Amino acid sequence: MEKPIRVKIFDCEYLIKGEEDEEQVKRIVQYVNDKFLLIKDNSAGLSEKKVAILAAFDIASDYFRLLGEREKIYRDIQSRARVLNYQIDSIAK
């Protein structure tokens, strides 16, 4: 992305410039906004700072859950590849 794009996160405007394309930035902004709104709606009376911290924690939790799922898939693929290699080796002999 060459020029920054204007986005709105939790009623504040920001100029975002980065390596992601504009559509990806919009998806990320929507995801962040959804997290903010979910926490705000379920935790009345919290300051914006606390909502932001809880949203960051929730987003980090999603990230680490997905890392764990990715690692599980990676281990499963490795295991299946070993079985297939063993089967191929046993047929070739």
C-alpha atoms as a PDB file:
ATOM      1  CA  MET A   1       0.000   0.000   0.000  1.00  0.00           C
ATOM      2  CA  GLU A   2       1.651   3.188  -1.153  1.00  0.00           C
ATOM      3  CA  LYS A   3      -0.590   5.820   0.342  1.00  0.00           C
ATOM      4  CA  PRO A   4      -2.156   5.666   3.775  1.00  0.00           C
ATOM      5  CA  ILE A   5      -5.843   4.945   4.098  1.00  0.00           C
ATOM      6  CA  ARG A   6      -8.157   6.540   6.634  1.00  0.00           C
ATOM      7  CA  VAL A   7      -9.859   4.071   8.945  1.00  0.00           C
ATOM      8  CA  LYS A   8     -12.098   4.366  11.965  1.00  0.00           C
ATOM      9  CA  ILE A   9     -11.465   2.167  14.996  1.00  0.00           C
ATOM     10  CA  PHE A  10     -13.714   2.555  18.016  1.00  0.00           C
ATOM     11  CA  ASP A  11     -14.910   5.978  16.872  1.00  0.00           C
ATOM     12  CA  CYS A  12     -11.376   7.347  16.337  1.00  0.00           C
ATOM     13  CA  GLU A  13      -9.897   7.990  12.906  1.00  0.00           C
ATOM     14  CA  TYR A  14      -6.410   6.816  11.983  1.00  0.00           C
ATOM     15  CA  LEU A  15      -4.248   6.902   8.879  1.00  0.00           C
ATOM     16  CA  ILE A  16      -2.876   3.426   8.244  1.00  0.00           C
ATOM     17  CA  LYS A  17       0.017   2.705   5.928  1.00  0.00           C
ATOM     18  CA  GLY A  18       1.613  -0.696   5.738  1.00  0.00           C
ATOM     19  CA  GLU A  19       2.448  -3.691   3.637  1.00  0.00           C
ATOM     20  CA  GLU A  20      -1.107  -5.023   3.529  1.00  0.00           C
ATOM     21  CA  ASP A  21      -3.397  -4.110   0.654  1.00  0.00           C
ATOM     22  CA  GLU A  22      -6.370  -1.862   1.303  1.00  0.00           C
ATOM     23  CA  GLU A  23      -8.920  -4.681   1.403  1.00  0.00           C
ATOM     24  CA  GLN A  24      -6.863  -6.590   3.967  1.00  0.00           C
ATOM     25  CA  VAL A  25      -6.537  -3.451   6.113  1.00  0.00           C
ATOM     26  CA  LYS A  26     -10.309  -3.024   5.986  1.00  0.00           C
ATOM     27  CA  ARG A  27     -10.821  -6.655   7.076  1.00  0.00           C
ATOM     28  CA  ILE A  28      -8.403  -6.150   9.966  1.00  0.00           C
ATOM     29  CA  VAL A  29     -10.098  -2.906  11.006  1.00  0.00           C
ATOM     30  CA  GLN A  30     -13.487  -4.636  10.943  1.00  0.00           C
ATOM     31  CA  TYR A  31     -12.110  -7.483  13.073  1.00  0.00           C
ATOM     32  CA  VAL A  32     -10.646  -5.050  15.623  1.00  0.00           C
ATOM     33  CA  ASN A  33     -13.849  -2.993  15.706  1.00  0.00           C
ATOM     34  CA  ASP A  34     -15.926  -6.128  16.211  1.00  0.00           C
ATOM     35  CA  LYS A  35     -13.747  -7.115  19.185  1.00  0.00           C
ATOM     36  CA  PHE A  36     -14.033  -3.634  20.708  1.00  0.00           C
ATOM     37  CA  LEU A  37     -17.802  -3.562  20.307  1.00  0.00           C
ATOM     38  CA  LEU A  38     -18.268  -7.075  21.673  1.00  0.00           C
ATOM     39  CA  ILE A  39     -16.292  -6.227  24.805  1.00  0.00           C
ATOM     40  CA  LYS A  40     -17.917  -2.811  25.202  1.00  0.00           C
ATOM     41  CA  ASP A  41     -21.414  -4.306  24.885  1.00  0.00           C
ATOM     42  CA  ASN A  42     -20.644  -7.064  27.401  1.00  0.00           C
ATOM     43  CA  SER A  43     -18.796  -4.892  29.926  1.00  0.00           C
ATOM     44  CA  ALA A  44     -20.763  -1.730  30.545  1.00  0.00           C
ATOM     45  CA  GLY A  45     -18.959   1.073  32.305  1.00  0.00           C
ATOM     46  CA  LEU A  46     -15.405   0.210  31.287  1.00  0.00           C
ATOM     47  CA  SER A  47     -13.129   3.000  30.131  1.00  0.00           C
ATOM     48  CA  GLU A  48     -11.954   3.009  26.522  1.00  0.00           C
ATOM     49  CA  LYS A  49      -8.467   2.114  27.749  1.00  0.00           C
ATOM     50  CA  LYS A  50      -9.745  -0.994  29.536  1.00  0.00           C
ATOM     51  CA  VAL A  51     -11.860  -1.969  26.537  1.00  0.00           C
ATOM     52  CA  ALA A  52      -8.759  -1.600  24.336  1.00  0.00           C
ATOM     53  CA  ILE A  53      -6.664  -3.746  26.680  1.00  0.00           C
ATOM     54  CA  LEU A  54      -9.334  -6.458  26.839  1.00  0.00           C
ATOM     55  CA  ALA A  55      -9.725  -6.353  23.044  1.00  0.00           C
ATOM     56  CA  ALA A  56      -5.947  -6.702  22.615  1.00  0.00           C
ATOM     57  CA  PHE A  57      -5.978  -9.641  25.014  1.00  0.00           C
ATOM     58  CA  ASP A  58      -8.861 -11.272  23.136  1.00  0.00           C
ATOM     59  CA  ILE A  59      -7.124 -10.766  19.774  1.00  0.00           C
ATOM     60  CA  ALA A  60      -3.876 -12.207  21.178  1.00  0.00           C
ATOM     61  CA  SER A  61      -5.847 -15.160  22.532  1.00  0.00           C
ATOM     62  CA  ASP A  62      -7.289 -15.799  19.046  1.00  0.00           C
ATOM     63  CA  TYR A  63      -3.787 -15.550  17.574  1.00  0.00           C
ATOM     64  CA  PHE A  64      -2.253 -18.074  19.984  1.00  0.00           C
ATOM     65  CA  ARG A  65      -5.206 -20.457  19.549  1.00  0.00           C
ATOM     66  CA  LEU A  66      -4.668 -20.357  15.797  1.00  0.00           C
ATOM     67  CA  LEU A  67      -0.921 -20.900  16.226  1.00  0.00           C
ATOM     68  CA  GLY A  68      -1.730 -24.020  18.249  1.00  0.00           C
ATOM     69  CA  GLU A  69      -4.140 -25.245  15.585  1.00  0.00           C
ATOM     70  CA  ARG A  70      -1.536 -24.621  12.891  1.00  0.00           C
ATOM     71  CA  GLU A  71       1.069 -26.564  14.869  1.00  0.00           C
ATOM     72  CA  LYS A  72      -1.368 -29.471  15.284  1.00  0.00           C
ATOM     73  CA  ILE A  73      -2.066 -29.518  11.538  1.00  0.00           C
ATOM     74  CA  TYR A  74       1.679 -29.360  10.813  1.00  0.00           C
ATOM     75  CA  ARG A  75       2.350 -32.342  13.118  1.00  0.00           C
ATOM     76  CA  ASP A  76      -0.526 -34.264  11.510  1.00  0.00           C
ATOM     77  CA  ILE A  77       0.884 -33.623   8.014  1.00  0.00           C
ATOM     78  CA  GLN A  78       4.348 -34.737   9.140  1.00  0.00           C
ATOM     79  CA  SER A  79       2.907 -37.908  10.631  1.00  0.00           C
ATOM     80  CA  ARG A  80       0.941 -38.713   7.489  1.00  0.00           C
ATOM     81  CA  ALA A  81       3.994 -38.026   5.321  1.00  0.00           C
ATOM     82  CA  ARG A  82       6.078 -40.450   7.426  1.00  0.00           C
ATOM     83  CA  VAL A  83       3.405 -43.155   7.031  1.00  0.00           C
ATOM     84  CA  LEU A  84       3.231 -42.585   3.266  1.00  0.00           C
ATOM     85  CA  ASN A  85       7.022 -42.629   2.958  1.00  0.00           C
ATOM     86  CA  TYR A  86       7.122 -45.885   4.910  1.00  0.00           C
ATOM     87  CA  GLN A  87       4.459 -47.391   2.659  1.00  0.00           C
ATOM     88  CA  ILE A  88       6.278 -46.246  -0.485  1.00  0.00           C
ATOM     89  CA  ASP A  89       9.590 -47.589   0.833  1.00  0.00           C
ATOM     90  CA  SER A  90       8.036 -50.957   1.720  1.00  0.00           C
ATOM     91  CA  ILE A  91       6.541 -51.346  -1.762  1.00  0.00           C
ATOM     92  CA  ALA A  92       9.759 -50.315  -3.520  1.00  0.00           C
ATOM     93  CA  LYS A  93      11.778 -53.034  -1.763  1.00  0.00           C
END
